[in-house]
Amino acid sequence: QVQLVESGGGLVQAGGSLSLSCAASGRDFIGYAMAWFRQAPGKEREFVAAIRWSGGDAYYADSVKGRFTISRVYAQNTVSLQMNSLKPEDTAVYYCAVDWVGIGGTWFDPPKRKYEYWGQGTQVTVSS
């Protein structure tokens, strides 16, 4: 059974940094894509970033491009999201998600894909 556990959220001032982690367990994630989404109060959940577990390009929402970095830590079976230059509009609950996308490098539409497994989320609050 796949389990995803996020950690690293908290309160930070605008301009600061936070690093989120998603600990993944339950199977070998070769062939899976790992993604981060977020949901602010009163808003729909939105795509933040994604990457294949086996490597390759990372994908980002325009709103976070150049400020956030998604990466894999194979030894710990985790996916991290380094968030720099945080803004109040980054305040949200951040969720980790995974889905099987296959071994090849075909396009898997990271923002629109219906990810099968989700974590419980971690709160990020950026004060102005």
C-alpha atoms as a PDB file:
ATOM      1  CA  GLN A   1       0.000   0.000   0.000  1.00  0.00           C
ATOM      2  CA  VAL A   2       1.398   3.351  -1.041  1.00  0.00           C
ATOM      3  CA  GLN A   3       1.847   5.887   1.728  1.00  0.00           C
ATOM      4  CA  LEU A   4       2.924   9.481   1.334  1.00  0.00           C
ATOM      5  CA  VAL A   5       3.802  11.590   4.352  1.00  0.00           C
ATOM      6  CA  GLU A   6       4.592  15.273   3.962  1.00  0.00           C
ATOM      7  CA  SER A   7       6.639  17.291   6.415  1.00  0.00           C
ATOM      8  CA  GLY A   8       8.477  20.581   6.656  1.00  0.00           C
ATOM      9  CA  GLY A   9       5.637  23.063   6.587  1.00  0.00           C
ATOM     10  CA  GLY A  10       5.451  26.027   8.911  1.00  0.00           C
ATOM     11  CA  LEU A  11       5.313  29.780   9.265  1.00  0.00           C
ATOM     12  CA  VAL A  12       7.844  31.944   7.455  1.00  0.00           C
ATOM     13  CA  GLN A  13       8.165  35.612   6.580  1.00  0.00           C
ATOM     14  CA  ALA A  14       7.903  36.800   3.013  1.00  0.00           C
ATOM     15  CA  GLY A  15      11.220  36.376   1.244  1.00  0.00           C
ATOM     16  CA  GLY A  16      12.147  33.395   3.376  1.00  0.00           C
ATOM     17  CA  SER A  17      12.605  29.735   2.514  1.00  0.00           C
ATOM     18  CA  LEU A  18      11.136  26.387   3.471  1.00  0.00           C
ATOM     19  CA  SER A  19      11.891  22.847   2.401  1.00  0.00           C
ATOM     20  CA  LEU A  20       9.097  20.304   2.202  1.00  0.00           C
ATOM     21  CA  SER A  21       9.641  16.558   2.134  1.00  0.00           C
ATOM     22  CA  CYS A  22       7.404  13.730   1.015  1.00  0.00           C
ATOM     23  CA  ALA A  23       8.347  10.314   2.360  1.00  0.00           C
ATOM     24  CA  ALA A  24       7.079   7.655  -0.025  1.00  0.00           C
ATOM     25  CA  SER A  25       6.677   3.989   0.871  1.00  0.00           C
ATOM     26  CA  GLY A  26       4.837   0.881  -0.186  1.00  0.00           C
ATOM     27  CA  ARG A  27       6.480   0.014  -3.489  1.00  0.00           C
ATOM     28  CA  ASP A  28       9.291   0.615  -5.881  1.00  0.00           C
ATOM     29  CA  PHE A  29       8.546   3.957  -7.526  1.00  0.00           C
ATOM     30  CA  ILE A  30      10.367   3.342 -10.777  1.00  0.00           C
ATOM     31  CA  GLY A  31       7.883   4.382 -13.465  1.00  0.00           C
ATOM     32  CA  TYR A  32       6.057   6.772 -11.185  1.00  0.00           C
ATOM     33  CA  ALA A  33       5.825  10.541 -11.298  1.00  0.00           C
ATOM     34  CA  MET A  34       5.928  12.539  -8.092  1.00  0.00           C
ATOM     35  CA  ALA A  35       4.175  15.866  -7.807  1.00  0.00           C
ATOM     36  CA  TRP A  36       3.398  18.680  -5.420  1.00  0.00           C
ATOM     37  CA  PHE A  37       0.067  20.479  -5.380  1.00  0.00           C
ATOM     38  CA  ARG A  38      -1.274  23.169  -3.088  1.00  0.00           C
ATOM     39  CA  GLN A  39      -4.641  24.452  -1.999  1.00  0.00           C
ATOM     40  CA  ALA A  40      -5.248  27.846  -0.463  1.00  0.00           C
ATOM     41  CA  PRO A  41      -8.392  28.625   1.549  1.00  0.00           C
ATOM     42  CA  GLY A  42     -11.363  29.147  -0.728  1.00  0.00           C
ATOM     43  CA  LYS A  43      -9.413  28.165  -3.837  1.00  0.00           C
ATOM     44  CA  GLU A  44      -9.098  25.062  -5.953  1.00  0.00           C
ATOM     45  CA  ARG A  45      -6.118  22.794  -5.624  1.00  0.00           C
ATOM     46  CA  GLU A  46      -3.382  23.773  -8.061  1.00  0.00           C
ATOM     47  CA  PHE A  47      -0.325  22.122  -9.536  1.00  0.00           C
ATOM     48  CA  VAL A  48       3.055  23.244  -8.226  1.00  0.00           C
ATOM     49  CA  ALA A  49       5.763  20.917  -9.540  1.00  0.00           C
ATOM     50  CA  ALA A  50       6.404  17.368 -10.748  1.00  0.00           C
ATOM     51  CA  ILE A  51       9.226  15.038 -11.670  1.00  0.00           C
ATOM     52  CA  ARG A  52       9.664  11.425 -12.708  1.00  0.00           C
ATOM     53  CA  TRP A  53      11.053   9.246  -9.942  1.00  0.00           C
ATOM     54  CA  SER A  54      13.525   7.741 -12.428  1.00  0.00           C
ATOM     55  CA  GLY A  55      14.839  11.109 -13.538  1.00  0.00           C
ATOM     56  CA  GLY A  56      14.353  13.561 -16.327  1.00  0.00           C
ATOM     57  CA  ASP A  57      12.920  17.025 -16.545  1.00  0.00           C
ATOM     58  CA  ALA A  58      11.141  18.763 -13.732  1.00  0.00           C
ATOM     59  CA  TYR A  59       7.944  20.688 -14.410  1.00  0.00           C
ATOM     60  CA  TYR A  60       6.757  23.801 -12.609  1.00  0.00           C
ATOM     61  CA  ALA A  61       3.765  26.073 -12.476  1.00  0.00           C
ATOM     62  CA  ASP A  62       4.570  29.511 -13.845  1.00  0.00           C
ATOM     63  CA  SER A  63       3.818  31.025 -10.442  1.00  0.00           C
ATOM     64  CA  VAL A  64       6.705  29.165  -8.783  1.00  0.00           C
ATOM     65  CA  LYS A  65       9.197  28.818 -11.627  1.00  0.00           C
ATOM     66  CA  GLY A  66      12.601  30.109 -10.608  1.00  0.00           C
ATOM     67  CA  ARG A  67      11.720  30.051  -6.897  1.00  0.00           C
ATOM     68  CA  PHE A  68      10.837  26.398  -6.185  1.00  0.00           C
ATOM     69  CA  THR A  69      12.883  23.279  -6.912  1.00  0.00           C
ATOM     70  CA  ILE A  70      11.608  19.706  -6.844  1.00  0.00           C
ATOM     71  CA  SER A  71      14.094  16.895  -6.383  1.00  0.00           C
ATOM     72  CA  ARG A  72      14.359  13.238  -5.403  1.00  0.00           C
ATOM     73  CA  VAL A  73      16.405  11.808  -2.559  1.00  0.00           C
ATOM     74  CA  TYR A  74      16.763   8.173  -3.554  1.00  0.00           C
ATOM     75  CA  ALA A  75      18.486   7.017  -0.382  1.00  0.00           C
ATOM     76  CA  GLN A  76      15.596   8.260   1.734  1.00  0.00           C
ATOM     77  CA  ASN A  77      12.829   7.502  -0.783  1.00  0.00           C
ATOM     78  CA  THR A  78      11.651  11.074  -0.560  1.00  0.00           C
ATOM     79  CA  VAL A  79      10.742  13.911  -2.848  1.00  0.00           C
ATOM     80  CA  SER A  80      11.549  17.377  -1.667  1.00  0.00           C
ATOM     81  CA  LEU A  81      10.315  20.827  -2.603  1.00  0.00           C
ATOM     82  CA  GLN A  82      12.730  23.637  -1.871  1.00  0.00           C
ATOM     83  CA  MET A  83      10.825  26.903  -1.729  1.00  0.00           C
ATOM     84  CA  ASN A  84      12.739  30.182  -1.855  1.00  0.00           C
ATOM     85  CA  SER A  85      11.657  33.806  -2.057  1.00  0.00           C
ATOM     86  CA  LEU A  86       8.313  32.890  -0.576  1.00  0.00           C
ATOM     87  CA  LYS A  87       5.371  35.217  -1.019  1.00  0.00           C
ATOM     88  CA  PRO A  88       2.148  35.544   0.988  1.00  0.00           C
ATOM     89  CA  GLU A  89       0.290  34.096  -1.999  1.00  0.00           C
ATOM     90  CA  ASP A  90       2.246  30.861  -1.526  1.00  0.00           C
ATOM     91  CA  THR A  91       0.265  30.260   1.664  1.00  0.00           C
ATOM     92  CA  ALA A  92      -1.577  26.965   1.274  1.00  0.00           C
ATOM     93  CA  VAL A  93      -1.734  23.343   2.298  1.00  0.00           C
ATOM     94  CA  TYR A  94       0.849  21.518   0.199  1.00  0.00           C
ATOM     95  CA  TYR A  95       0.173  17.961  -0.926  1.00  0.00           C
ATOM     96  CA  CYS A  96       2.425  15.283  -2.350  1.00  0.00           C
ATOM     97  CA  ALA A  97       0.987  12.996  -5.023  1.00  0.00           C
ATOM     98  CA  VAL A  98       2.220  10.060  -7.107  1.00  0.00           C
ATOM     99  CA  ASP A  99       0.962   8.209 -10.150  1.00  0.00           C
ATOM    100  CA  TRP A 100       2.175   5.511 -12.480  1.00  0.00           C
ATOM    101  CA  VAL A 101       3.298   7.073 -15.779  1.00  0.00           C
ATOM    102  CA  GLY A 102       5.355   4.251 -17.277  1.00  0.00           C
ATOM    103  CA  ILE A 103       9.025   3.613 -17.888  1.00  0.00           C
ATOM    104  CA  GLY A 104       9.425   5.611 -21.087  1.00  0.00           C
ATOM    105  CA  GLY A 105       9.836   9.344 -21.366  1.00  0.00           C
ATOM    106  CA  THR A 106       6.489  10.170 -22.890  1.00  0.00           C
ATOM    107  CA  TRP A 107       4.655  13.300 -21.828  1.00  0.00           C
ATOM    108  CA  PHE A 108       2.436  12.675 -18.801  1.00  0.00           C
ATOM    109  CA  ASP A 109       0.787  16.101 -18.488  1.00  0.00           C
ATOM    110  CA  PRO A 110       1.880  16.854 -14.915  1.00  0.00           C
ATOM    111  CA  PRO A 111      -0.630  19.619 -14.111  1.00  0.00           C
ATOM    112  CA  LYS A 112      -3.731  17.820 -15.384  1.00  0.00           C
ATOM    113  CA  ARG A 113      -2.971  14.221 -14.563  1.00  0.00           C
ATOM    114  CA  LYS A 114      -5.256  12.488 -12.057  1.00  0.00           C
ATOM    115  CA  TYR A 115      -2.762  11.287  -9.509  1.00  0.00           C
ATOM    116  CA  GLU A 116      -3.702   8.066  -7.770  1.00  0.00           C
ATOM    117  CA  TYR A 117      -2.103   8.515  -4.377  1.00  0.00           C
ATOM    118  CA  TRP A 118      -2.066  11.572  -2.147  1.00  0.00           C
ATOM    119  CA  GLY A 119      -0.579  12.563   1.155  1.00  0.00           C
ATOM    120  CA  GLN A 120      -2.418  14.336   3.980  1.00  0.00           C
ATOM    121  CA  GLY A 121      -0.786  17.694   3.359  1.00  0.00           C
ATOM    122  CA  THR A 122       1.370  20.138   5.269  1.00  0.00           C
ATOM    123  CA  GLN A 123       0.509  23.769   5.990  1.00  0.00           C
ATOM    124  CA  VAL A 124       2.733  26.538   4.678  1.00  0.00           C
ATOM    125  CA  THR A 125       1.998  30.065   5.874  1.00  0.00           C
ATOM    126  CA  VAL A 126       3.907  33.075   4.552  1.00  0.00           C
ATOM    127  CA  SER A 127       3.451  36.297   6.482  1.00  0.00           C
ATOM    128  CA  SER A 128       3.856  39.713   4.888  1.00  0.00           C
END
